[in-house]
Structure formats: C-alpha cells, structure tokens
C-alpha cells in the first residue's frame, strides 16, 4: 500500500475514534491492525508534531501503550485504571467492560474466576461494575501497567500488597470518601458500581499521581505498520476454550474483522449498557501453578518465575513461555526462539489458567 493511502486510512481510523468514543466500535481495532507502534515511553508521550505527522497521525495524537491504537496524547499519558469486576452469573450483565483495553480473567476461590478490566479512558462510561474484591496477585497485575487498582473489598492475604508503596488502590466503600453507588437493576450484593467522577475525586483525595511515570517501560510490543503478526507457523485457533469451569468461557474467531468474540454461561458475553458482545484482537494464555493459603480456601497463584502459555491472534495459536522476575515487575512473553511476542493492535484478553485444577486451554 502506498504511503498516501496508509495516511488516509489512519486518519479515517482516528476520525472513527473521535465520533464513536473509546471502545464503542470494535471494527476499528481490526482496521487499525497495521499501525506503527513506538518502542519506548518517550516516543509515546513526546508531543513532537513533525514525528507525529510523519507517522500518519494528526497533531495531538499518538498510540496507546495498552492497545497500539490511536488516542490523544493527553489520554495516552494517563495512568490506567483497573477494576475488579464481579463475574458471578447473578452479577451479569457487567457494564462498561466492552470499553476495557485489556482484561484479565483469573481464578479466585474454588472454581470461580474474576475479571480485572483495565482502561486508560473511562470518560464515555456511565458506570463500571459490578465491583468486587481483590486477591493477593491483583495489585501485581496493575503494577505492570503503572495502574491504579479499584476494588470493593479484599482478602486478608492481599493487605500486604495493598499497603505497599508500590501500590495505589481505591477501595470504593470507604468512610473517608465513598466512591461507589448501588444500582436497582442488579441483585443486592452484586450491584456496586462506580464512574469517572467518583474515581477522580478519590484519586484527588488520595493525592495519587495521575500520569504515567517518566521511567515507565512498555509491557507489550506491537506489530509494525504493514507487518501484522499472522503467526504463519501457528496452529489453527478458530475457537479458544479457556478451561474455566465456572462460566465455561470461550472465544470464537471472526475472519471478516479479525476479532475473537467472547461467550460465557452458554451465550454471547455482552456489555449490559452498550449491548456490545465482548471482542478482542489478542488472547494470551498464561499457565500458572498454585497452592492454597492457610485458610485452605484462598489461592496463592505463582505469577513470579517462568512458565508456559499460548498466544492467539488472527486465527492462529503458538506456544510461548512467560517470565516475571519479581512481584512488582513486568511479565514478558516469548516465542520458542526467545524473541518477545508482538501483539496486533487492538484489545487483549489475558487468561491465567491453572492446569492442575482445570487442565490446559483447548484450541480448535
């Protein structure tokens, strides 16, 4: 494709974002799959007009380090917010989640799994939730994005991490400032929500840093312009079954837009406010070991160290390994040859799967 055509295409993508709002048009992700992604936080945040225009973006726009898609430089500098989302059947439908840039699906007690939805911009959302509590491994997940963790309660094993200077978190039910509201269209106990106004007031009260740290390093790398990651040597992955028995979640690939559409509880997994079925460009499966805490109920998931996994995109899957040196460090994902994986621009879903409990994920 000639450079002039690429520039026009990218401008059309940005125009779609401006008119439809972040996360509301999942087709935009597929159309953006050839965007060129900067390699450092300096490139991401530097408001250099000449560099930005040369990349095919109008002045004031850059690429999100969460998705690799075009966003305003102002939004790109914001610390992401990660919300603990209730994932029980009676908590559905979840609201606001279709706008999340990255979602983690992680086991908690018994066979239950909980969602951590990570956003860089929640300004278009009326509400996010229902909200639930966090576990000892959730603060470490948000630290990988220099993010702020938003939760409604916590296990006693999470307290040490929540009290660490490495963690900024918002407990929405708080005597100093209540950052939640209840909604009558959800069952009691599964009806706690929040919104941007309440979160921003709480951030101001806690005096949390609102912009990404200057020394922040990227967690993800993205495919470059004109070179989408096709996983040409990968196996077919038109359906990805996660292995989680609570909600029996799986994803189905749509070759027309290049996205994986999510199903749970035997039906399309949709956002309760937008009606959109959840869909992502990339899926990462991370296999972890675990043991039970001394209460014989809470899990301690070993997210530090190394392990196996799988990377899914564009209808293909390849085996990968993951590595994390410390609890507050980044998890990196590598191909068999030792090079780091490159995501295709778009939303991503990370499943932390415990093979000892459910077996490995299935790809068909």
Protein backbone atom coordinates (compact mmCIF):
# COMPACT_ATOMS: atom_id res chain seq x y z
CA UNK A 1 0.00 0.00 0.00
CA UNK A 2 1.34 3.43 -0.92
CA UNK A 3 2.21 5.82 1.89
CA UNK A 4 -0.53 8.31 0.96
CA UNK A 5 -3.18 5.60 1.17
CA UNK A 6 -1.87 4.47 4.56
CA UNK A 7 -2.07 8.04 5.87
CA UNK A 8 -5.66 8.45 4.68
CA UNK A 9 -6.62 5.10 6.24
CA UNK A 10 -5.10 6.07 9.57
CA UNK A 11 -6.86 9.44 9.55
CA UNK A 12 -10.15 7.64 8.97
CA UNK A 13 -9.42 5.42 11.97
CA UNK A 14 -8.78 8.45 14.17
CA UNK A 15 -11.96 10.09 12.89
CA UNK A 16 -13.89 6.98 13.87
CA UNK A 17 -12.48 7.19 17.39
CA UNK A 18 -13.43 10.84 17.68
CA UNK A 19 -17.02 10.25 16.63
CA UNK A 20 -17.77 6.92 18.26
CA UNK A 21 -15.94 7.10 21.59
CA UNK A 22 -13.28 4.78 23.01
CA UNK A 23 -14.20 1.10 22.88
CA UNK A 24 -17.56 1.55 21.13
CA UNK A 25 -16.57 0.40 17.64
CA UNK A 26 -14.79 -2.92 17.70
CA UNK A 27 -14.35 -2.88 13.91
CA UNK A 28 -11.86 -0.03 14.39
CA UNK A 29 -9.48 -2.48 16.07
CA UNK A 30 -9.32 -4.70 13.02
CA UNK A 31 -8.87 -1.73 10.70
CA UNK A 32 -6.00 -0.48 12.87
CA UNK A 33 -4.06 -3.74 12.75
CA UNK A 34 -1.26 -2.26 10.61
CA UNK A 35 -0.47 0.77 12.81
CA UNK A 36 3.19 1.51 13.55
CA UNK A 37 3.86 1.33 17.29
CA UNK A 38 6.56 3.28 19.17
CA UNK A 39 9.13 1.26 21.10
CA UNK A 40 9.59 3.50 24.17
CA UNK A 41 7.53 5.62 26.52
CA UNK A 42 9.49 8.64 25.33
CA UNK A 43 8.15 8.14 21.80
CA UNK A 44 4.66 7.62 23.18
CA UNK A 45 4.39 10.81 25.22
CA UNK A 46 6.69 13.20 23.36
CA UNK A 47 4.41 15.83 21.71
CA UNK A 48 6.64 16.15 18.64
CA UNK A 49 4.47 17.47 15.80
CA UNK A 50 6.86 16.51 12.99
CA UNK A 51 7.25 12.93 14.26
CA UNK A 52 3.51 12.52 14.78
CA UNK A 53 2.59 13.81 11.34
CA UNK A 54 5.27 11.62 9.73
CA UNK A 55 3.63 8.61 11.39
CA UNK A 56 0.35 9.50 9.69
CA UNK A 57 -1.43 10.90 12.75
CA UNK A 58 -2.71 14.45 13.16
CA UNK A 59 -1.14 16.77 15.69
CA UNK A 60 -2.03 15.83 19.24
CA UNK A 61 -2.43 12.09 18.62
CA UNK A 62 -0.23 9.10 19.38
CA UNK A 63 -0.62 5.37 20.07
CA UNK A 64 -1.90 3.72 23.24
CA UNK A 65 0.63 1.54 25.05
CA UNK A 66 -2.28 -0.70 26.06
CA UNK A 67 -3.72 -1.34 22.60
CA UNK A 68 -1.43 0.20 20.00
CA UNK A 69 -4.43 2.13 18.65
CA UNK A 70 -4.59 5.91 18.06
CA UNK A 71 -5.56 8.05 21.04
CA UNK A 72 -4.97 11.65 22.08
CA UNK A 73 -1.62 12.43 23.67
CA UNK A 74 -3.49 13.75 26.69
CA UNK A 75 -5.19 10.40 27.29
CA UNK A 76 -2.04 8.43 26.43
CA UNK A 77 -0.26 9.99 29.42
CA UNK A 78 -2.90 8.92 31.94
CA UNK A 79 -2.28 6.04 34.32
CA UNK A 80 -4.61 3.14 33.52
CA UNK A 81 -7.37 2.22 35.94
CA UNK A 82 -8.02 -1.45 36.72
CA UNK A 83 -11.42 -2.50 38.08
CA UNK A 84 -12.21 -5.75 39.87
CA UNK A 85 -15.36 -6.93 38.10
CA UNK A 86 -17.85 -9.36 39.61
CA UNK A 87 -18.01 -12.41 37.35
CA UNK A 88 -20.71 -14.49 39.00
CA UNK A 89 -23.70 -15.42 36.90
CA UNK A 90 -26.10 -13.42 39.09
CA UNK A 91 -23.89 -10.33 38.69
CA UNK A 92 -24.48 -10.15 34.96
CA UNK A 93 -24.69 -8.15 32.87
CA UNK A 94 -21.42 -6.39 33.57
CA UNK A 95 -21.38 -2.75 32.49
CA UNK A 96 -18.67 -0.68 30.87
CA UNK A 97 -16.48 -3.70 30.26
CA UNK A 98 -16.73 -3.55 26.46
CA UNK A 99 -14.58 -0.39 26.58
CA UNK A 100 -11.73 -2.07 28.50
CA UNK A 101 -8.36 -2.09 26.73
CA UNK A 102 -7.03 -5.20 28.48
CA UNK A 103 -8.95 -7.75 30.56
CA UNK A 104 -7.51 -10.40 32.89
CA UNK A 105 -9.52 -13.50 33.77
CA UNK A 106 -8.06 -15.01 36.93
CA UNK A 107 -9.22 -17.76 39.32
CA UNK A 108 -10.09 -16.93 42.92
CA UNK A 109 -11.75 -19.37 45.37
CA UNK A 110 -12.98 -22.81 44.35
CA UNK A 111 -13.64 -22.76 40.58
CA UNK A 112 -14.63 -19.10 40.45
CA UNK A 113 -12.87 -16.61 38.20
CA UNK A 114 -12.84 -12.84 38.48
CA UNK A 115 -12.21 -10.19 35.83
CA UNK A 116 -9.77 -7.30 36.07
CA UNK A 117 -10.75 -4.75 33.43
CA UNK A 118 -8.05 -2.18 32.59
CA UNK A 119 -8.90 1.15 30.96
CA UNK A 120 -6.92 4.24 30.05
CA UNK A 121 -10.04 6.31 29.40
CA UNK A 122 -13.41 5.88 31.14
CA UNK A 123 -14.83 9.30 30.28
CA UNK A 124 -17.51 7.87 27.95
CA UNK A 125 -18.86 5.39 30.51
CA UNK A 126 -21.90 5.96 32.74
CA UNK A 127 -20.90 3.18 35.13
CA UNK A 128 -18.40 0.37 35.62
CA UNK A 129 -19.16 -2.81 37.51
CA UNK A 130 -20.45 -4.61 39.42
CA UNK A 131 -17.31 -4.30 41.56
CA UNK A 132 -15.86 -6.99 43.79
CA UNK A 133 -12.82 -7.67 45.93
CA UNK A 134 -9.18 -8.30 45.03
CA UNK A 135 -6.73 -11.06 45.93
CA UNK A 136 -3.00 -11.04 46.66
CA UNK A 137 -1.97 -11.27 42.98
CA UNK A 138 -4.17 -8.44 41.64
CA UNK A 139 -2.02 -5.47 42.81
CA UNK A 140 0.91 -7.02 40.93
CA UNK A 141 -1.13 -7.14 37.73
CA UNK A 142 -1.94 -3.41 37.85
CA UNK A 143 1.67 -2.56 38.67
CA UNK A 144 2.65 -3.94 35.26
CA UNK A 145 0.68 -1.08 33.68
CA UNK A 146 1.63 1.58 36.26
CA UNK A 147 -2.09 1.45 37.03
CA UNK A 148 -4.44 2.25 39.91
CA UNK A 149 -6.41 -0.71 41.27
CA UNK A 150 -10.11 -0.14 42.01
CA UNK A 151 -11.84 -2.75 44.17
CA UNK A 152 -14.68 -3.41 46.58
CA UNK A 153 -13.01 -5.30 49.43
CA UNK A 154 -10.03 -7.64 49.58
CA UNK A 155 -8.80 -10.89 51.07
CA UNK A 156 -6.60 -10.67 54.17
CA UNK A 157 -3.73 -12.06 52.11
CA UNK A 158 -3.87 -9.02 49.80
CA UNK A 159 -3.30 -6.48 52.60
CA UNK A 160 0.48 -6.63 52.49
CA UNK A 161 0.49 -5.83 48.78
CA UNK A 162 -2.21 -3.15 49.05
CA UNK A 163 -0.24 -1.41 51.81
CA UNK A 164 2.95 -1.41 49.76
CA UNK A 165 4.36 1.87 48.42
CA UNK A 166 4.33 0.17 45.01
CA UNK A 167 0.53 0.01 45.01
CA UNK A 168 -2.01 2.79 44.54
CA UNK A 169 -5.51 1.48 45.10
CA UNK A 170 -9.04 2.75 45.64
CA UNK A 171 -11.33 0.85 47.99
CA UNK A 172 -14.69 2.10 46.73
CA UNK A 173 -16.50 1.57 50.04
CA UNK A 174 -14.60 3.88 52.37
CA UNK A 175 -15.59 6.06 55.33
CA UNK A 176 -13.42 8.96 54.12
CA UNK A 177 -14.88 9.03 50.62
CA UNK A 178 -17.40 6.60 49.19
CA UNK A 179 -16.53 6.04 45.53
CA UNK A 180 -19.41 3.74 44.63
CA UNK A 181 -23.15 3.70 44.14
CA UNK A 182 -25.71 0.91 44.01
CA UNK A 183 -27.95 0.15 41.06
CA UNK A 184 -31.51 -1.17 41.28
CA UNK A 185 -31.21 -3.22 38.09
CA UNK A 186 -28.79 -5.69 39.73
CA UNK A 187 -29.26 -8.02 42.69
CA UNK A 188 -28.20 -6.83 46.14
CA UNK A 189 -24.63 -7.88 46.79
CA UNK A 190 -23.85 -7.63 43.10
CA UNK A 191 -24.93 -4.04 42.47
CA UNK A 192 -21.95 -1.84 43.42
CA UNK A 193 -20.82 0.42 40.57
CA UNK A 194 -18.59 3.44 40.10
CA UNK A 195 -17.95 6.15 37.50
CA UNK A 196 -15.28 8.61 36.45
CA UNK A 197 -16.45 11.48 38.66
CA UNK A 198 -16.26 9.38 41.81
CA UNK A 199 -12.92 7.81 40.90
CA UNK A 200 -11.28 11.13 40.02
CA UNK A 201 -12.43 12.68 43.32
CA UNK A 202 -11.00 9.72 45.18
CA UNK A 203 -7.69 9.98 43.29
CA UNK A 204 -7.51 13.67 44.18
CA UNK A 205 -8.28 12.92 47.84
CA UNK A 206 -5.54 10.27 47.97
CA UNK A 207 -3.13 12.55 46.09
CA UNK A 208 -2.25 9.78 43.66
CA UNK A 209 -0.06 10.55 40.67
CA UNK A 210 -2.39 10.75 37.64
CA UNK A 211 0.12 10.47 34.78
CA UNK A 212 2.27 7.52 33.76
CA UNK A 213 5.70 7.58 35.41
CA UNK A 214 8.52 9.01 33.31
CA UNK A 215 10.57 5.83 33.71
CA UNK A 216 7.68 3.51 32.90
CA UNK A 217 8.60 0.76 30.44
CA UNK A 218 6.24 -0.91 28.00
CA UNK A 219 4.72 -4.23 28.91
CA UNK A 220 3.63 -5.06 25.35
CA UNK A 221 5.25 -4.76 21.94
CA UNK A 222 3.04 -4.37 18.88
CA UNK A 223 3.34 -5.35 15.23
CA UNK A 224 4.64 -2.60 12.96
CA UNK A 225 2.90 -0.82 10.11
CA UNK A 226 2.35 -3.05 7.10
CA UNK A 227 3.52 -6.15 9.00
CA UNK A 228 0.63 -7.61 11.03
CA UNK A 229 1.53 -10.63 13.11
CA UNK A 230 -0.06 -13.52 11.21
CA UNK A 231 1.53 -16.33 13.26
CA UNK A 232 2.11 -18.07 9.94
CA UNK A 233 3.67 -21.12 11.59
CA UNK A 234 0.93 -21.36 14.20
CA UNK A 235 -1.81 -23.93 14.61
CA UNK A 236 -5.44 -23.21 13.78
CA UNK A 237 -7.34 -21.46 16.57
CA UNK A 238 -10.85 -20.64 15.40
CA UNK A 239 -12.20 -21.44 18.85
CA UNK A 240 -10.39 -20.96 22.15
CA UNK A 241 -11.86 -22.70 25.19
CA UNK A 242 -10.27 -21.27 28.32
CA UNK A 243 -10.88 -24.20 30.66
CA UNK A 244 -12.61 -22.16 33.36
CA UNK A 245 -15.46 -24.34 34.62
CA UNK A 246 -17.39 -21.63 36.48
CA UNK A 247 -18.51 -19.69 33.42
CA UNK A 248 -17.39 -22.10 30.65
CA UNK A 249 -15.93 -19.15 28.75
CA UNK A 250 -14.62 -19.41 25.20
CA UNK A 251 -13.84 -17.23 22.17
CA UNK A 252 -14.80 -17.68 18.51
CA UNK A 253 -12.75 -16.15 15.71
CA UNK A 254 -14.40 -13.97 13.06
CA UNK A 255 -12.16 -13.93 9.97
CA UNK A 256 -14.02 -10.94 8.50
CA UNK A 257 -12.86 -8.47 11.17
CA UNK A 258 -10.04 -10.50 12.73
CA UNK A 259 -11.54 -10.44 16.23
CA UNK A 260 -12.29 -13.11 18.83
CA UNK A 261 -15.83 -12.86 20.18
CA UNK A 262 -16.42 -13.99 23.75
CA UNK A 263 -19.05 -16.38 25.11
CA UNK A 264 -19.80 -17.25 28.75
CA UNK A 265 -22.54 -19.14 30.56
CA UNK A 266 -23.53 -20.64 27.21
CA UNK A 267 -24.35 -17.34 25.49
CA UNK A 268 -22.79 -14.23 23.98
CA UNK A 269 -20.96 -12.22 26.64
CA UNK A 270 -22.34 -8.69 26.23
CA UNK A 271 -21.94 -5.35 27.95
CA UNK A 272 -25.17 -4.55 29.81
CA UNK A 273 -25.10 -0.85 28.92
CA UNK A 274 -23.88 -0.88 25.31
CA UNK A 275 -25.23 -4.26 24.23
CA UNK A 276 -21.89 -4.99 22.52
CA UNK A 277 -20.53 -8.52 22.59
CA UNK A 278 -17.02 -8.51 24.05
CA UNK A 279 -14.38 -8.97 21.35
CA UNK A 280 -10.59 -8.78 21.34
CA UNK A 281 -7.72 -8.95 18.89
CA UNK A 282 -5.26 -10.88 21.06
CA UNK A 283 -5.58 -13.66 23.64
CA UNK A 284 -2.75 -14.66 25.96
CA UNK A 285 -3.00 -17.88 27.94
CA UNK A 286 -0.64 -17.96 30.93
CA UNK A 287 -0.34 -21.30 32.73
CA UNK A 288 0.48 -20.99 36.44
CA UNK A 289 0.83 -23.25 39.45
CA UNK A 290 -0.79 -22.51 42.80
CA UNK A 291 -1.32 -23.66 46.35
CA UNK A 292 -3.95 -22.92 48.96
CA UNK A 293 -3.31 -20.38 51.70
CA UNK A 294 -3.53 -21.42 55.36
CA UNK A 295 -7.30 -20.88 55.33
CA UNK A 296 -7.49 -23.74 52.77
CA UNK A 297 -9.68 -21.51 50.63
CA UNK A 298 -7.74 -18.61 49.06
CA UNK A 299 -5.29 -19.46 46.32
CA UNK A 300 -1.70 -18.29 46.12
CA UNK A 301 -1.05 -18.17 42.37
CA UNK A 302 2.61 -18.30 41.37
CA UNK A 303 2.80 -15.39 38.92
CA UNK A 304 6.53 -14.85 39.58
CA UNK A 305 9.09 -17.05 37.83
CA UNK A 306 8.63 -18.77 34.49
CA UNK A 307 6.01 -20.94 32.86
CA UNK A 308 4.31 -21.98 29.64
CA UNK A 309 1.42 -20.47 27.76
CA UNK A 310 -0.09 -19.70 24.38
CA UNK A 311 -0.54 -16.63 22.19
CA UNK A 312 -3.60 -16.38 19.95
CA UNK A 313 -4.27 -13.85 17.19
CA UNK A 314 -5.59 -13.83 13.61
CA UNK A 315 -6.99 -17.35 13.83
CA UNK A 316 -3.68 -18.92 14.89
CA UNK A 317 -2.03 -20.04 18.12
CA UNK A 318 1.60 -20.63 19.08
CA UNK A 319 3.19 -21.92 22.25
CA UNK A 320 5.01 -19.34 24.36
CA UNK A 321 6.82 -19.02 27.65
CA UNK A 322 6.32 -16.31 30.23
CA UNK A 323 8.78 -14.79 32.66
CA UNK A 324 8.44 -12.42 35.62
CA UNK A 325 11.45 -11.60 37.78
CA UNK A 326 9.64 -10.01 40.74
CA UNK A 327 6.14 -9.42 42.04
CA UNK A 328 6.16 -5.72 41.07
CA UNK A 329 7.89 -6.34 37.74
CA UNK A 330 6.52 -6.96 34.24
CA UNK A 331 5.50 -10.31 32.84
CA UNK A 332 7.11 -10.84 29.44
CA UNK A 333 6.03 -13.40 26.87
CA UNK A 334 8.44 -15.14 24.47
CA UNK A 335 8.30 -17.34 21.39
CA UNK A 336 10.27 -20.60 21.38
CA UNK A 337 13.23 -18.83 19.77
CA UNK A 338 13.47 -16.43 22.72
CA UNK A 339 12.15 -13.29 21.00
CA UNK A 340 9.36 -11.35 22.66
CA UNK A 341 5.89 -11.69 21.17
CA UNK A 342 4.32 -8.82 19.27
CA UNK A 343 0.61 -8.22 19.67
CA UNK A 344 -1.55 -6.93 16.87
CA UNK A 345 -3.02 -3.51 17.64
CA UNK A 346 -6.33 -3.90 19.44
CA UNK A 347 -7.75 -5.13 22.72
CA UNK A 348 -6.27 -8.09 24.56
CA UNK A 349 -7.55 -10.72 26.98
CA UNK A 350 -5.18 -12.50 29.38
CA UNK A 351 -6.30 -15.78 30.96
CA UNK A 352 -4.30 -17.04 33.93
CA UNK A 353 -5.09 -20.73 33.75
CA UNK A 354 -4.31 -23.31 36.44
CA UNK A 355 -3.81 -26.64 34.58
CA UNK A 356 -3.60 -28.56 37.87
CA UNK A 357 -7.20 -27.53 38.53
CA UNK A 358 -8.89 -27.47 35.11
CA UNK A 359 -6.39 -28.72 32.55
CA UNK A 360 -4.97 -26.62 29.71
CA UNK A 361 -6.95 -24.46 27.32
CA UNK A 362 -8.22 -26.02 24.07
CA UNK A 363 -7.67 -24.60 20.58
CA UNK A 364 -9.73 -25.79 17.62
